[in-house]
PDB file of N, CA and C in Angstrom:
ATOM      1  N   MET A   1     -18.489  -2.610   0.057  1.00  0.00           N
ATOM      2  CA  MET A   1     -19.064  -1.432   0.342  1.00  0.00           C
ATOM      3  C   MET A   1     -17.692  -0.847   0.465  1.00  0.00           C
ATOM      4  N   GLU A   2     -17.434   0.662  -0.038  1.00  0.00           N
ATOM      5  CA  GLU A   2     -16.221   1.108  -0.136  1.00  0.00           C
ATOM      6  C   GLU A   2     -16.078   2.024   1.028  1.00  0.00           C
ATOM      7  N   TRP A   3     -14.719   2.103   1.571  1.00  0.00           N
ATOM      8  CA  TRP A   3     -14.487   2.816   2.849  1.00  0.00           C
ATOM      9  C   TRP A   3     -13.310   4.069   2.209  1.00  0.00           C
ATOM     10  N   THR A   4     -13.687   5.243   3.004  1.00  0.00           N
ATOM     11  CA  THR A   4     -12.573   6.273   2.567  1.00  0.00           C
ATOM     12  C   THR A   4     -11.493   6.031   3.431  1.00  0.00           C
ATOM     13  N   PRO A   5     -10.196   6.236   3.091  1.00  0.00           N
ATOM     14  CA  PRO A   5      -8.914   6.238   3.812  1.00  0.00           C
ATOM     15  C   PRO A   5      -9.350   6.556   5.202  1.00  0.00           C
ATOM     16  N   GLU A   6      -9.783   7.866   5.487  1.00  0.00           N
ATOM     17  CA  GLU A   6     -10.114   8.345   6.836  1.00  0.00           C
ATOM     18  C   GLU A   6     -10.697   7.450   7.857  1.00  0.00           C
ATOM     19  N   ALA A   7     -11.732   6.712   7.469  1.00  0.00           N
ATOM     20  CA  ALA A   7     -12.857   6.076   7.876  1.00  0.00           C
ATOM     21  C   ALA A   7     -12.057   4.301   8.278  1.00  0.00           C
ATOM     22  N   GLU A   8     -11.198   4.270   7.069  1.00  0.00           N
ATOM     23  CA  GLU A   8     -10.785   2.929   7.356  1.00  0.00           C
ATOM     24  C   GLU A   8      -9.291   3.182   8.374  1.00  0.00           C
ATOM     25  N   ALA A   9      -8.942   4.189   8.528  1.00  0.00           N
ATOM     26  CA  ALA A   9      -7.914   4.231   9.463  1.00  0.00           C
ATOM     27  C   ALA A   9      -8.308   4.269  10.886  1.00  0.00           C
ATOM     28  N   LYS A  10      -9.851   4.941  10.892  1.00  0.00           N
ATOM     29  CA  LYS A  10     -10.460   5.020  12.309  1.00  0.00           C
ATOM     30  C   LYS A  10     -10.952   3.256  12.723  1.00  0.00           C
ATOM     31  N   LEU A  11     -11.216   2.888  11.981  1.00  0.00           N
ATOM     32  CA  LEU A  11     -11.472   1.372  11.810  1.00  0.00           C
ATOM     33  C   LEU A  11     -10.287   0.555  12.537  1.00  0.00           C
ATOM     34  N   LYS A  12      -9.168   0.877  12.138  1.00  0.00           N
ATOM     35  CA  LYS A  12      -7.908   0.313  12.519  1.00  0.00           C
ATOM     36  C   LYS A  12      -7.758   0.807  14.238  1.00  0.00           C
ATOM     37  N   GLU A  13      -8.524   1.521  14.661  1.00  0.00           N
ATOM     38  CA  GLU A  13      -8.152   1.618  16.183  1.00  0.00           C
ATOM     39  C   GLU A  13      -9.000   0.852  16.959  1.00  0.00           C
ATOM     40  N   ILE A  14      -9.978   0.123  16.472  1.00  0.00           N
ATOM     41  CA  ILE A  14     -10.832  -0.682  16.978  1.00  0.00           C
ATOM     42  C   ILE A  14     -10.000  -1.896  17.437  1.00  0.00           C
ATOM     43  N   PRO A  15      -9.814  -2.423  18.362  1.00  0.00           N
ATOM     44  CA  PRO A  15      -9.222  -3.859  18.654  1.00  0.00           C
ATOM     45  C   PRO A  15      -9.530  -4.752  17.690  1.00  0.00           C
ATOM     46  N   PHE A  16      -8.187  -5.585  17.294  1.00  0.00           N
ATOM     47  CA  PHE A  16      -8.392  -6.341  16.029  1.00  0.00           C
ATOM     48  C   PHE A  16      -9.516  -7.435  16.367  1.00  0.00           C
ATOM     49  N   PHE A  17      -9.621  -7.975  17.396  1.00  0.00           N
ATOM     50  CA  PHE A  17     -10.610  -8.998  17.508  1.00  0.00           C
ATOM     51  C   PHE A  17     -12.044  -8.938  17.437  1.00  0.00           C
ATOM     52  N   VAL A  18     -12.678  -7.554  17.693  1.00  0.00           N
ATOM     53  CA  VAL A  18     -13.642  -7.031  17.283  1.00  0.00           C
ATOM     54  C   VAL A  18     -13.842  -6.344  16.100  1.00  0.00           C
ATOM     55  N   ARG A  19     -12.863  -6.019  15.191  1.00  0.00           N
ATOM     56  CA  ARG A  19     -13.059  -5.152  14.158  1.00  0.00           C
ATOM     57  C   ARG A  19     -13.763  -5.833  12.852  1.00  0.00           C
ATOM     58  N   PRO A  20     -13.888  -7.300  12.584  1.00  0.00           N
ATOM     59  CA  PRO A  20     -15.038  -7.821  11.850  1.00  0.00           C
ATOM     60  C   PRO A  20     -16.400  -7.527  12.136  1.00  0.00           C
ATOM     61  N   ALA A  21     -16.519  -7.718  13.444  1.00  0.00           N
ATOM     62  CA  ALA A  21     -17.763  -7.354  14.056  1.00  0.00           C
ATOM     63  C   ALA A  21     -18.252  -6.067  13.463  1.00  0.00           C
ATOM     64  N   ALA A  22     -17.218  -5.248  14.104  1.00  0.00           N
ATOM     65  CA  ALA A  22     -17.747  -3.751  14.022  1.00  0.00           C
ATOM     66  C   ALA A  22     -17.952  -3.379  12.463  1.00  0.00           C
ATOM     67  N   ARG A  23     -16.930  -3.469  11.804  1.00  0.00           N
ATOM     68  CA  ARG A  23     -17.382  -3.350  10.358  1.00  0.00           C
ATOM     69  C   ARG A  23     -18.528  -3.775   9.551  1.00  0.00           C
ATOM     70  N   ARG A  24     -19.128  -5.008  10.153  1.00  0.00           N
ATOM     71  CA  ARG A  24     -20.344  -5.414   9.559  1.00  0.00           C
ATOM     72  C   ARG A  24     -21.225  -4.534  10.221  1.00  0.00           C
ATOM     73  N   LYS A  25     -21.111  -4.164  11.474  1.00  0.00           N
ATOM     74  CA  LYS A  25     -22.532  -3.284  11.986  1.00  0.00           C
ATOM     75  C   LYS A  25     -22.386  -2.143  11.296  1.00  0.00           C
ATOM     76  N   ILE A  26     -21.072  -1.442  11.097  1.00  0.00           N
ATOM     77  CA  ILE A  26     -21.002  -0.097  10.362  1.00  0.00           C
ATOM     78  C   ILE A  26     -21.632  -0.118   9.063  1.00  0.00           C
ATOM     79  N   GLU A  27     -20.823  -1.200   8.211  1.00  0.00           N
ATOM     80  CA  GLU A  27     -21.777  -1.166   7.112  1.00  0.00           C
ATOM     81  C   GLU A  27     -23.295  -1.549   6.889  1.00  0.00           C
ATOM     82  N   GLN A  28     -23.681  -2.349   8.067  1.00  0.00           N
ATOM     83  CA  GLN A  28     -24.692  -2.410   7.901  1.00  0.00           C
ATOM     84  C   GLN A  28     -25.559  -1.168   8.266  1.00  0.00           C
ATOM     85  N   PHE A  29     -25.105  -0.211   8.958  1.00  0.00           N
ATOM     86  CA  PHE A  29     -25.911   0.832   9.423  1.00  0.00           C
ATOM     87  C   PHE A  29     -25.790   2.089   8.114  1.00  0.00           C
ATOM     88  N   ALA A  30     -24.670   1.721   7.565  1.00  0.00           N
ATOM     89  CA  ALA A  30     -24.610   2.834   6.254  1.00  0.00           C
ATOM     90  C   ALA A  30     -25.611   2.259   5.272  1.00  0.00           C
ATOM     91  N   GLN A  31     -25.689   1.116   4.923  1.00  0.00           N
ATOM     92  CA  GLN A  31     -26.602   0.370   4.138  1.00  0.00           C
ATOM     93  C   GLN A  31     -28.017   0.838   4.422  1.00  0.00           C
ATOM     94  N   ASP A  32     -28.634   0.645   5.486  1.00  0.00           N
ATOM     95  CA  ASP A  32     -29.934   1.135   6.192  1.00  0.00           C
ATOM     96  C   ASP A  32     -29.872   2.441   5.868  1.00  0.00           C
ATOM     97  N   ALA A  33     -28.987   3.724   5.985  1.00  0.00           N
ATOM     98  CA  ALA A  33     -29.279   4.924   5.510  1.00  0.00           C
ATOM     99  C   ALA A  33     -29.059   5.117   4.113  1.00  0.00           C
ATOM    100  N   GLY A  34     -29.247   4.212   3.497  1.00  0.00           N
ATOM    101  CA  GLY A  34     -29.218   4.478   1.993  1.00  0.00           C
ATOM    102  C   GLY A  34     -27.553   4.869   1.402  1.00  0.00           C
ATOM    103  N   GLN A  35     -26.549   4.628   2.320  1.00  0.00           N
ATOM    104  CA  GLN A  35     -24.974   5.198   1.763  1.00  0.00           C
ATOM    105  C   GLN A  35     -24.398   3.977   1.089  1.00  0.00           C
ATOM    106  N   THR A  36     -23.722   4.243   0.156  1.00  0.00           N
ATOM    107  CA  THR A  36     -22.370   3.413  -0.541  1.00  0.00           C
ATOM    108  C   THR A  36     -21.304   3.349  -0.160  1.00  0.00           C
ATOM    109  N   THR A  37     -20.894   4.374   0.697  1.00  0.00           N
ATOM    110  CA  THR A  37     -19.590   4.572   0.896  1.00  0.00           C
ATOM    111  C   THR A  37     -19.528   4.820   2.611  1.00  0.00           C
ATOM    112  N   ILE A  38     -18.425   4.616   3.388  1.00  0.00           N
ATOM    113  CA  ILE A  38     -18.468   4.752   4.719  1.00  0.00           C
ATOM    114  C   ILE A  38     -17.520   6.047   4.497  1.00  0.00           C
ATOM    115  N   THR A  39     -17.973   7.243   5.181  1.00  0.00           N
ATOM    116  CA  THR A  39     -16.941   8.415   5.195  1.00  0.00           C
ATOM    117  C   THR A  39     -16.642   8.331   6.832  1.00  0.00           C
ATOM    118  N   LEU A  40     -15.968   9.262   6.979  1.00  0.00           N
ATOM    119  CA  LEU A  40     -15.640   9.596   8.676  1.00  0.00           C
ATOM    120  C   LEU A  40     -16.770   9.867   9.208  1.00  0.00           C
ATOM    121  N   GLU A  41     -17.722  10.603   8.531  1.00  0.00           N
ATOM    122  CA  GLU A  41     -19.266  11.181   9.104  1.00  0.00           C
ATOM    123  C   GLU A  41     -20.065  10.043   9.453  1.00  0.00           C
ATOM    124  N   VAL A  42     -20.015   8.872   8.265  1.00  0.00           N
ATOM    125  CA  VAL A  42     -21.039   7.738   8.811  1.00  0.00           C
ATOM    126  C   VAL A  42     -20.263   6.955   9.604  1.00  0.00           C
ATOM    127  N   TYR A  43     -18.964   6.982   9.860  1.00  0.00           N
ATOM    128  CA  TYR A  43     -18.488   6.203  10.936  1.00  0.00           C
ATOM    129  C   TYR A  43     -18.823   6.587  12.098  1.00  0.00           C
ATOM    130  N   GLU A  44     -18.459   7.890  12.235  1.00  0.00           N
ATOM    131  CA  GLU A  44     -19.021   8.645  13.498  1.00  0.00           C
ATOM    132  C   GLU A  44     -20.422   8.340  14.080  1.00  0.00           C
ATOM    133  N   GLN A  45     -21.327   8.650  13.177  1.00  0.00           N
ATOM    134  CA  GLN A  45     -22.717   8.482  13.311  1.00  0.00           C
ATOM    135  C   GLN A  45     -23.013   6.855  13.945  1.00  0.00           C
ATOM    136  N   ALA A  46     -22.555   5.925  13.149  1.00  0.00           N
ATOM    137  CA  ALA A  46     -22.681   4.612  13.559  1.00  0.00           C
ATOM    138  C   ALA A  46     -21.958   4.306  14.957  1.00  0.00           C
ATOM    139  N   LYS A  47     -20.786   4.918  15.133  1.00  0.00           N
ATOM    140  CA  LYS A  47     -20.072   4.684  16.508  1.00  0.00           C
ATOM    141  C   LYS A  47     -20.994   5.267  17.648  1.00  0.00           C
ATOM    142  N   ALA A  48     -21.738   6.887  17.599  1.00  0.00           N
ATOM    143  CA  ALA A  48     -22.430   7.187  18.275  1.00  0.00           C
ATOM    144  C   ALA A  48     -23.647   6.465  18.670  1.00  0.00           C
ATOM    145  N   LYS A  49     -24.387   5.831  17.714  1.00  0.00           N
ATOM    146  CA  LYS A  49     -25.578   4.688  17.916  1.00  0.00           C
ATOM    147  C   LYS A  49     -25.019   3.371  18.336  1.00  0.00           C
ATOM    148  N   PHE A  50     -24.217   2.861  18.140  1.00  0.00           N
ATOM    149  CA  PHE A  50     -23.704   1.633  18.684  1.00  0.00           C
ATOM    150  C   PHE A  50     -22.903   1.781  20.024  1.00  0.00           C
ATOM    151  N   GLY A  51     -21.949   3.025  20.369  1.00  0.00           N
ATOM    152  CA  GLY A  51     -21.423   3.077  21.255  1.00  0.00           C
ATOM    153  C   GLY A  51     -19.798   2.760  21.392  1.00  0.00           C
TER     154      GLY A  51
END
């Protein structure tokens, strides 16, 4: 799954010890929504859903 630089930068704000799990959840959210790229918009939608 491809990430835009903006979305990747936001991911790096998540603590390193939960980042891999967060990445998987965001990528699964995007895949379920039919997305092939994680944009800042997709990131924010996933964050709103998962908290």
